[in-house]
């Protein structure tokens, strides 16, 4: 009798490009939905991606070609839930880097380019090398954390054009490193 142990799942590289060519997805959300393993990586090519909401609900690393090159544009369309880029996981780490995030839509009178909320502790959310552009209206936040327990890292990023706080941490109970 042979008893074996399955090897741990390997992270899968996924890609996004504006045309969805070469085995890549055409939207960031489609790549996130396809990610199966904790730690999958998503590389987003240069281009503008018109998505009113991108929900990161699993442990992934999303890397763009750089601010001004990879652009997530919400086109001011109202998302379901707060935030153009919403990061809400129940396990695992998330890293978002190398892109511009702009034109978040209004949700219940509030606008946020990035919204994060870790409902359990011991998750690290890293946001780096981002250009976050507000639209200059009241209650317009670049980065909004609400009731989160994440270990939050926000570094090497620029937030401009917000009508309210560029960064709002409301009842955030995890460690915070903003650089």
Foldseek 3Di string as FASTA:
>chain_A
DDDDDDDDDDAAEAEEECVCPPVHHNAPQVRLVPGDDAAHEYEYEFDEHAAQARENAGHYEYEYPAAVGYEDAPQQDADDDAERYEYEYADEEYEYAGYEFENHHDDPNAHENYEYAYQDADYAYAYERYEFEWQQDPNYEDYEYELHRHQYEYEHYHYDRGNDYNYYYYNHDHHYHYD
